Amino acid sequence: MPDKPLHPALTRQGTGIAADGEFYMPTRALFGRGIAGQAAEHAAALGASSVLLVTDPGVRAAGLIAPVETALAGRGIAVTIFDRVEPNPKDEDCLAGAELIRAGGQQLLVAVGGGSAIDTAKCIGLLLTNGGHPRDWEDFGALRRDPLPTIAIPTTAGTGSEVSPSAVITDTARKKKMNLFDTRNCPRVALVDPDLTLSCPVWVTASSGMDALSHAVDSLQCLLATPSSDALALEGARLVGRYLRRAVSEPADVEARCGMAQGSLTAGIAVGLTDVSGAHALAEAMGGLYGHPHGFCCAVSMPAIMEYNLPVCTDKYARLAVALGAGAPGASDLQLAQAAIGAIRDLNRDLDVPAMSTLVRAEDLDLLGEKAAQNTSTPSNPRIAGAADYRQMFAREIERDR
């Protein structure tokens, strides 16, 4: 394989408002109640006569793919269903999907589900045109060829994968989450239909919602952040802070579901323009080792990394506090920044997010620290952190739980 390019955080020129940056969003994102019904016309516009519909057994059993399948068939588009998708999607399933599409000759992927289904579809698409194993395409901008195009239809409000250049896939041999990050991974079309989230289980609503918030936080503190991405991150955080509790306590509340879908989309665009950073380095270490729900891993990781980054992110976190409606009038930036961290801890408590001490084992702290330090996105964290630093973050959160 060719040498992989350097992480863009290591080559960025300038600092602060003078730093260089890029705003590129190749996905056409459409939002609206019932918008998923347009999948067939977009597939036809992309020239597809045959598609691989990627989903998971739960979404299929809930009947959420049936209208999409019917609409595609009604336009004369052949549909093959691949529902071998699990939470924290695995390399072996992506390889199986790529073999299926090689044999079937489908021209388009349609992903219906949460981030796992969408990431699986994106990985299948890149394997089809680039070959090899998913680990061959880990890191930033490593692809040789454009992947097969994808239409993404999310059924949860949280991952933002429908507008993201990332496909996060578990390497089963290394028990590591890989970030296959390339702007060519972005779905061609995203159909964000909040009605598809109405049947989402409560715990999935909570977990995916905290994932959305972690995208806002990680984008805001990322070394690749720009004023444009900051604006999106702060608005995404505001929407999640306003609507997530309601979406969990009142699942049929359409306004709350729309607010969360908009918040997830907005934060997803923000993090797609930048990168994730320290919160995901911690969270993906846990997810790769234990297989816990990604959103809960992100939820407990946010306060840990924010306390570590506080000396270099006080002003950013102060703005986050305002977006979340936290902090007293007239408070200093430091007080507001601390209030933002407290607001996220309060949200975790209100949503019954499992504590860090229940998610990790003390005997694994060294290994977790090493995995976090090796994360593809560690260079994007605004304060340099090594394995010992990440280990200490895990340890402090465990101690705090006692």
Protein backbone atom coordinates (compact mmCIF):
# COMPACT_ATOMS: atom_id res chain seq x y z
CA MET A 1 0.00 0.00 0.00
CA PRO A 2 1.22 3.59 -0.63
CA ASP A 3 2.46 5.72 2.25
CA LYS A 4 -0.44 7.28 4.13
CA PRO A 5 -0.62 11.08 4.21
CA LEU A 6 0.08 12.99 7.40
CA HIS A 7 -2.82 13.89 9.63
CA PRO A 8 -3.92 17.41 8.61
CA ALA A 9 -3.62 18.64 12.20
CA LEU A 10 0.13 18.04 11.89
CA THR A 11 0.46 20.17 8.75
CA ARG A 12 -1.93 23.04 9.44
CA GLN A 13 -0.43 26.49 9.03
CA GLY A 14 -1.15 29.46 11.29
CA THR A 15 -2.93 29.76 14.61
CA GLY A 16 -6.22 31.11 15.87
CA ILE A 17 -8.25 33.20 13.45
CA ALA A 18 -5.30 33.23 11.01
CA ALA A 19 -5.09 29.44 10.69
CA ASP A 20 -5.80 27.92 7.30
CA GLY A 21 -8.89 25.78 6.89
CA GLU A 22 -11.31 24.13 4.49
CA PHE A 23 -15.09 23.97 4.14
CA TYR A 24 -16.10 21.13 1.86
CA MET A 25 -19.31 19.15 2.18
CA PRO A 26 -19.91 16.83 -0.77
CA THR A 27 -23.16 15.36 0.60
CA ARG A 28 -26.52 16.65 -0.56
CA ALA A 29 -28.45 16.59 2.73
CA LEU A 30 -32.24 16.82 2.70
CA PHE A 31 -34.23 17.15 5.93
CA GLY A 32 -37.94 16.67 6.44
CA ARG A 33 -40.70 14.48 7.74
CA GLY A 34 -41.33 11.76 5.17
CA ILE A 35 -38.22 12.67 3.15
CA ALA A 36 -37.07 9.01 3.23
CA GLY A 37 -39.79 8.35 0.66
CA GLN A 38 -37.63 10.10 -1.93
CA ALA A 39 -34.94 7.40 -1.84
CA ALA A 40 -36.04 5.84 -5.13
CA GLU A 41 -35.91 9.06 -7.13
CA HIS A 42 -32.42 9.83 -5.86
CA ALA A 43 -31.25 6.30 -6.63
CA ALA A 44 -32.64 6.64 -10.15
CA ALA A 45 -30.96 10.05 -10.55
CA LEU A 46 -27.64 8.38 -9.68
CA GLY A 47 -28.21 5.93 -12.52
CA ALA A 48 -28.74 2.83 -10.39
CA SER A 49 -30.74 -0.10 -11.70
CA SER A 50 -29.70 -2.35 -8.80
CA VAL A 51 -28.83 -1.46 -5.18
CA LEU A 52 -27.51 -3.14 -2.06
CA LEU A 53 -29.67 -2.06 0.87
CA VAL A 54 -27.56 -2.18 4.04
CA THR A 55 -29.34 -2.36 7.39
CA ASP A 56 -29.46 -4.29 10.66
CA PRO A 57 -31.90 -6.96 11.85
CA GLY A 58 -33.61 -4.63 14.35
CA VAL A 59 -34.31 -1.90 11.81
CA ARG A 60 -35.57 -4.51 9.37
CA ALA A 61 -37.82 -6.10 11.99
CA ALA A 62 -39.23 -2.67 12.88
CA GLY A 63 -40.44 -2.31 9.28
CA LEU A 64 -38.34 0.78 8.57
CA ILE A 65 -36.79 -0.54 5.37
CA ALA A 66 -40.05 -1.76 3.85
CA PRO A 67 -41.19 1.61 2.40
CA VAL A 68 -37.73 2.24 0.94
CA GLU A 69 -37.59 -1.24 -0.57
CA THR A 70 -41.09 -0.86 -2.03
CA ALA A 71 -40.33 2.56 -3.49
CA LEU A 72 -37.12 1.31 -5.11
CA ALA A 73 -38.88 -1.70 -6.59
CA GLY A 74 -41.63 0.59 -7.86
CA ARG A 75 -39.03 2.46 -9.93
CA GLY A 76 -37.78 -0.80 -11.38
CA ILE A 77 -34.67 -0.81 -9.21
CA ALA A 78 -33.63 -4.27 -8.03
CA VAL A 79 -32.94 -4.53 -4.29
CA THR A 80 -30.64 -6.94 -2.48
CA ILE A 81 -30.77 -6.70 1.31
CA PHE A 82 -27.66 -7.04 3.45
CA ASP A 83 -28.69 -7.00 7.11
CA ARG A 84 -25.50 -8.39 8.62
CA VAL A 85 -24.80 -5.20 10.57
CA GLU A 86 -23.99 -5.12 14.28
CA PRO A 87 -23.35 -2.30 16.74
CA ASN A 88 -19.70 -1.25 16.48
CA PRO A 89 -19.52 -2.66 12.91
CA LYS A 90 -16.84 -5.23 12.23
CA ASP A 91 -14.31 -5.60 9.43
CA GLU A 92 -15.47 -9.14 8.65
CA ASP A 93 -19.02 -7.99 7.94
CA CYS A 94 -17.79 -5.21 5.65
CA LEU A 95 -15.68 -7.76 3.75
CA ALA A 96 -18.73 -10.03 3.41
CA GLY A 97 -20.80 -7.14 2.08
CA ALA A 98 -18.11 -6.28 -0.46
CA GLU A 99 -18.06 -9.88 -1.70
CA LEU A 100 -21.84 -9.84 -2.05
CA ILE A 101 -21.84 -6.69 -4.13
CA ARG A 102 -18.96 -7.93 -6.30
CA ALA A 103 -21.05 -10.97 -7.15
CA GLY A 104 -24.28 -9.03 -7.62
CA GLY A 105 -22.96 -6.01 -9.52
CA GLN A 106 -25.06 -3.42 -7.72
CA GLN A 107 -24.23 0.18 -8.64
CA LEU A 108 -25.33 1.89 -5.43
CA LEU A 109 -25.49 1.38 -1.68
CA VAL A 110 -28.54 2.48 0.28
CA ALA A 111 -27.99 2.48 4.05
CA VAL A 112 -31.03 2.51 6.35
CA GLY A 113 -30.20 2.49 10.04
CA GLY A 114 -27.96 4.06 12.62
CA GLY A 115 -24.30 4.87 12.28
CA SER A 116 -23.34 1.21 12.19
CA ALA A 117 -25.36 0.56 9.03
CA ILE A 118 -24.17 3.74 7.34
CA ASP A 119 -20.52 3.16 8.26
CA THR A 120 -20.77 -0.44 7.04
CA ALA A 121 -22.19 0.73 3.72
CA LYS A 122 -19.44 3.31 3.31
CA CYS A 123 -16.78 0.70 4.08
CA ILE A 124 -18.31 -1.76 1.62
CA GLY A 125 -18.25 0.97 -1.01
CA LEU A 126 -14.58 1.77 -0.52
CA LEU A 127 -13.57 -1.90 -0.41
CA LEU A 128 -15.34 -2.52 -3.68
CA THR A 129 -13.24 0.05 -5.56
CA ASN A 130 -10.02 0.03 -3.52
CA GLY A 131 -9.79 -3.64 -2.52
CA GLY A 132 -7.86 -5.01 0.42
CA HIS A 133 -8.87 -5.00 4.07
CA PRO A 134 -10.43 -2.03 5.89
CA ARG A 135 -7.21 -1.56 7.89
CA ASP A 136 -5.42 -0.78 4.62
CA TRP A 137 -7.46 2.44 4.40
CA GLU A 138 -7.21 3.59 8.01
CA ASP A 139 -6.19 7.19 8.68
CA PHE A 140 -6.74 10.33 6.62
CA GLY A 141 -7.07 10.56 2.86
CA ALA A 142 -5.66 7.09 2.21
CA LEU A 143 -8.08 5.99 -0.53
CA ARG A 144 -6.86 5.52 -4.09
CA ARG A 145 -10.26 5.52 -5.81
CA ASP A 146 -13.72 6.93 -5.24
CA PRO A 147 -15.97 4.47 -3.39
CA LEU A 148 -19.23 3.22 -4.79
CA PRO A 149 -21.81 5.95 -3.98
CA THR A 150 -24.09 5.70 -0.96
CA ILE A 151 -27.49 7.11 -0.07
CA ALA A 152 -27.75 7.35 3.73
CA ILE A 153 -31.08 7.26 5.56
CA PRO A 154 -30.49 7.51 9.33
CA THR A 155 -32.96 5.99 11.79
CA THR A 156 -31.27 7.46 14.87
CA ALA A 157 -30.37 11.04 15.78
CA GLY A 158 -26.77 10.98 16.80
CA THR A 159 -24.02 9.56 14.64
CA GLY A 160 -23.97 12.15 11.86
CA SER A 161 -22.52 9.44 9.63
CA GLU A 162 -24.92 10.46 6.87
CA VAL A 163 -22.76 13.57 6.23
CA SER A 164 -19.42 12.35 7.57
CA PRO A 165 -16.21 11.41 5.74
CA SER A 166 -15.54 8.77 8.40
CA ALA A 167 -16.34 5.09 8.50
CA VAL A 168 -15.51 3.76 11.96
CA ILE A 169 -14.96 0.01 11.76
CA THR A 170 -13.74 -2.44 14.42
CA ASP A 171 -10.62 -4.39 13.55
CA THR A 172 -11.54 -7.71 15.17
CA ALA A 173 -7.94 -8.95 15.22
CA ARG A 174 -6.58 -5.91 17.04
CA LYS A 175 -9.77 -5.08 18.98
CA LYS A 176 -9.34 -1.55 17.73
CA LYS A 177 -11.74 0.93 16.19
CA MET A 178 -10.35 2.22 12.92
CA ASN A 179 -11.27 5.58 11.45
CA LEU A 180 -11.34 5.37 7.66
CA PHE A 181 -11.43 9.13 7.04
CA ASP A 182 -11.58 10.45 3.51
CA THR A 183 -13.89 13.09 2.06
CA ARG A 184 -14.70 10.63 -0.73
CA ASN A 185 -16.43 8.46 1.89
CA CYS A 186 -19.21 11.01 2.32
CA PRO A 187 -22.58 9.68 1.18
CA ARG A 188 -23.75 11.21 -2.07
CA VAL A 189 -27.21 11.92 -0.62
CA ALA A 190 -28.49 12.01 2.98
CA LEU A 191 -32.23 11.79 3.64
CA VAL A 192 -32.75 12.88 7.25
CA ASP A 193 -36.31 11.94 8.21
CA PRO A 194 -37.11 12.51 11.90
CA ASP A 195 -40.17 10.26 11.64
CA LEU A 196 -37.84 7.27 11.35
CA THR A 197 -36.57 7.98 14.88
CA LEU A 198 -40.00 7.85 16.54
CA SER A 199 -39.73 4.10 17.17
CA CYS A 200 -36.15 4.34 18.42
CA PRO A 201 -35.73 2.62 21.84
CA VAL A 202 -35.19 4.98 24.76
CA TRP A 203 -31.66 3.82 25.49
CA VAL A 204 -30.69 4.20 21.82
CA THR A 205 -32.16 7.71 21.79
CA ALA A 206 -30.06 8.60 24.84
CA SER A 207 -26.88 6.97 23.59
CA SER A 208 -27.07 8.36 20.07
CA GLY A 209 -27.99 11.79 21.40
CA MET A 210 -24.86 11.90 23.53
CA ASP A 211 -22.89 10.81 20.47
CA ALA A 212 -24.26 13.88 18.66
CA LEU A 213 -23.20 16.11 21.55
CA SER A 214 -19.72 14.56 21.51
CA HIS A 215 -19.40 15.52 17.84
CA ALA A 216 -20.16 19.12 18.75
CA VAL A 217 -17.65 19.06 21.63
CA ASP A 218 -14.90 17.29 19.69
CA SER A 219 -15.32 19.57 16.67
CA LEU A 220 -15.29 22.67 18.86
CA GLN A 221 -12.05 21.72 20.60
CA CYS A 222 -10.41 20.17 17.51
CA LEU A 223 -7.15 21.66 16.26
CA LEU A 224 -8.73 21.80 12.79
CA ALA A 225 -11.71 23.91 13.94
CA THR A 226 -12.65 27.04 11.99
CA PRO A 227 -15.20 29.79 12.69
CA SER A 228 -17.62 28.02 10.34
CA SER A 229 -17.28 24.65 12.08
CA ASP A 230 -17.54 26.35 15.49
CA ALA A 231 -20.85 27.92 14.52
CA LEU A 232 -22.23 24.53 13.48
CA ALA A 233 -20.84 22.79 16.57
CA LEU A 234 -22.37 25.31 18.95
CA GLU A 235 -25.76 25.17 17.26
CA GLY A 236 -25.66 21.37 17.26
CA ALA A 237 -24.87 21.43 20.99
CA ARG A 238 -27.69 23.90 21.64
CA LEU A 239 -30.24 21.71 19.89
CA VAL A 240 -29.12 18.56 21.70
CA GLY A 241 -29.10 20.36 25.04
CA ARG A 242 -32.62 21.62 24.43
CA TYR A 243 -34.27 18.51 23.01
CA LEU A 244 -32.52 15.33 24.15
CA ARG A 245 -34.17 15.01 27.57
CA ARG A 246 -37.58 15.49 25.93
CA ALA A 247 -36.88 12.93 23.22
CA VAL A 248 -35.95 10.39 25.91
CA SER A 249 -38.82 11.13 28.31
CA GLU A 250 -41.47 11.65 25.59
CA PRO A 251 -40.50 9.46 22.61
CA ALA A 252 -43.60 10.47 20.60
CA ASP A 253 -42.79 14.20 20.89
CA VAL A 254 -42.35 15.12 17.21
CA GLU A 255 -40.82 18.51 17.93
CA ALA A 256 -38.18 16.89 20.15
CA ARG A 257 -37.45 14.27 17.50
CA CYS A 258 -37.10 16.97 14.84
CA GLY A 259 -34.86 19.00 17.14
CA MET A 260 -32.61 16.03 17.77
CA ALA A 261 -32.45 15.10 14.08
CA GLN A 262 -31.46 18.67 13.25
CA GLY A 263 -28.93 18.74 16.10
CA SER A 264 -27.36 15.48 14.99
CA LEU A 265 -27.16 16.66 11.39
CA THR A 266 -25.64 20.02 12.35
CA ALA A 267 -23.06 18.54 14.72
CA GLY A 268 -22.31 15.85 12.15
CA ILE A 269 -21.51 18.46 9.51
CA ALA A 270 -19.30 20.28 12.03
CA VAL A 271 -17.22 17.23 12.88
CA GLY A 272 -17.06 16.22 9.22
CA LEU A 273 -15.44 19.57 8.47
CA THR A 274 -12.86 19.09 11.24
CA ASP A 275 -12.23 15.76 12.93
CA VAL A 276 -13.12 14.15 16.20
CA SER A 277 -10.53 14.59 18.92
CA GLY A 278 -9.85 13.48 22.49
CA ALA A 279 -13.38 12.43 23.48
CA HIS A 280 -13.45 9.90 20.66
CA ALA A 281 -9.90 8.75 21.38
CA LEU A 282 -11.11 7.73 24.84
CA ALA A 283 -14.49 6.42 23.68
CA GLU A 284 -13.16 4.32 20.82
CA ALA A 285 -10.57 2.74 23.10
CA MET A 286 -13.45 1.51 25.27
CA GLY A 287 -15.68 0.54 22.37
CA GLY A 288 -12.94 -1.36 20.59
CA LEU A 289 -11.96 -3.33 23.69
CA TYR A 290 -15.37 -4.02 25.22
CA GLY A 291 -17.97 -3.41 22.49
CA HIS A 292 -20.01 -0.95 24.59
CA PRO A 293 -22.53 1.37 22.89
CA HIS A 294 -20.50 4.13 21.29
CA GLY A 295 -22.70 6.98 22.51
CA PHE A 296 -22.36 5.98 26.16
CA CYS A 297 -18.59 5.74 25.76
CA CYS A 298 -18.60 9.24 24.30
CA ALA A 299 -20.84 10.52 27.08
CA VAL A 300 -18.47 9.57 29.89
CA SER A 301 -15.42 10.60 27.87
CA MET A 302 -16.50 14.20 27.30
CA PRO A 303 -16.08 15.47 30.88
CA ALA A 304 -12.78 13.60 31.21
CA ILE A 305 -11.17 15.14 28.12
CA MET A 306 -12.69 18.57 28.77
CA GLU A 307 -11.14 18.76 32.23
CA TYR A 308 -7.79 17.82 30.68
CA ASN A 309 -8.15 20.36 27.85
CA LEU A 310 -9.53 23.13 30.06
CA PRO A 311 -6.25 25.13 30.23
CA VAL A 312 -6.22 25.54 26.44
CA CYS A 313 -9.97 25.57 25.71
CA THR A 314 -11.45 27.87 28.33
CA ASP A 315 -12.92 30.31 25.81
CA LYS A 316 -14.39 27.55 23.64
CA TYR A 317 -16.01 25.83 26.60
CA ALA A 318 -17.37 29.17 27.82
CA ARG A 319 -19.18 29.52 24.51
CA LEU A 320 -20.40 25.94 24.84
CA ALA A 321 -21.86 26.75 28.25
CA VAL A 322 -23.91 29.56 26.72
CA ALA A 323 -25.16 27.20 24.00
CA LEU A 324 -26.17 24.67 26.64
CA GLY A 325 -27.84 27.32 28.82
CA ALA A 326 -25.38 26.70 31.65
CA GLY A 327 -23.59 29.16 33.94
CA ALA A 328 -24.65 32.22 35.88
CA PRO A 329 -24.93 35.73 34.37
CA GLY A 330 -21.69 37.66 34.75
CA ALA A 331 -19.61 34.52 35.24
CA SER A 332 -16.01 34.51 34.07
CA ASP A 333 -14.93 32.40 31.10
CA LEU A 334 -13.38 29.88 33.48
CA GLN A 335 -16.57 29.62 35.50
CA LEU A 336 -18.61 29.20 32.33
CA ALA A 337 -16.21 26.55 31.01
CA GLN A 338 -16.54 24.61 34.25
CA ALA A 339 -20.32 25.00 34.02
CA ALA A 340 -20.26 23.42 30.55
CA ILE A 341 -18.47 20.38 31.95
CA GLY A 342 -20.97 20.24 34.80
CA ALA A 343 -23.90 20.49 32.37
CA ILE A 344 -22.67 17.44 30.48
CA ARG A 345 -22.25 15.50 33.72
CA ASP A 346 -25.81 16.49 34.67
CA LEU A 347 -27.11 15.31 31.31
CA ASN A 348 -25.35 11.97 31.74
CA ARG A 349 -26.95 11.57 35.14
CA ASP A 350 -30.43 12.51 33.91
CA LEU A 351 -30.17 10.01 31.03
CA ASP A 352 -28.89 7.20 33.27
CA VAL A 353 -25.66 6.90 31.30
CA PRO A 354 -23.55 4.09 32.82
CA ALA A 355 -20.65 5.37 34.91
CA MET A 356 -17.08 5.03 33.70
CA SER A 357 -16.39 2.63 36.58
CA THR A 358 -18.98 0.22 35.14
CA LEU A 359 -17.66 0.48 31.58
CA VAL A 360 -13.95 -0.24 32.09
CA ARG A 361 -11.86 -2.59 34.21
CA ALA A 362 -9.11 -1.15 36.38
CA GLU A 363 -6.68 -3.82 35.21
CA ASP A 364 -7.11 -2.55 31.62
CA LEU A 365 -6.15 1.08 32.27
CA ASP A 366 -2.69 0.79 30.75
CA LEU A 367 -4.09 -0.87 27.64
CA LEU A 368 -6.89 1.68 27.33
CA GLY A 369 -4.40 4.53 27.61
CA GLU A 370 -2.28 3.02 24.86
CA LYS A 371 -5.27 2.47 22.57
CA ALA A 372 -6.47 6.05 23.09
CA ALA A 373 -2.99 7.42 22.32
CA GLN A 374 -2.87 5.34 19.12
CA ASN A 375 -6.22 6.66 17.87
CA THR A 376 -6.15 8.15 14.39
CA SER A 377 -7.62 11.41 15.71
CA THR A 378 -5.32 11.92 18.70
CA PRO A 379 -3.32 14.58 16.78
CA SER A 380 -6.51 16.67 16.58
CA ASN A 381 -6.75 17.10 20.35
CA PRO A 382 -5.83 20.69 21.30
CA ARG A 383 -3.55 19.60 24.15
CA ILE A 384 -0.92 16.94 23.52
CA ALA A 385 -1.89 13.72 25.27
CA GLY A 386 0.03 10.47 25.50
CA ALA A 387 -0.85 7.04 26.83
CA ALA A 388 -0.10 8.05 30.43
CA ASP A 389 -2.34 11.12 30.13
CA TYR A 390 -5.24 9.11 28.74
CA ARG A 391 -4.75 6.46 31.39
CA GLN A 392 -5.00 9.13 34.06
CA MET A 393 -8.23 10.47 32.54
CA PHE A 394 -9.81 7.03 32.79
CA ALA A 395 -8.49 6.61 36.35
CA ARG A 396 -9.81 9.98 37.51
CA GLU A 397 -13.28 9.25 36.20
CA ILE A 398 -13.32 5.89 37.95
CA GLU A 399 -12.21 7.54 41.19
CA ARG A 400 -14.87 10.21 40.79
CA ASP A 401 -17.55 7.53 40.60
CA ARG A 402 -16.66 6.18 44.03
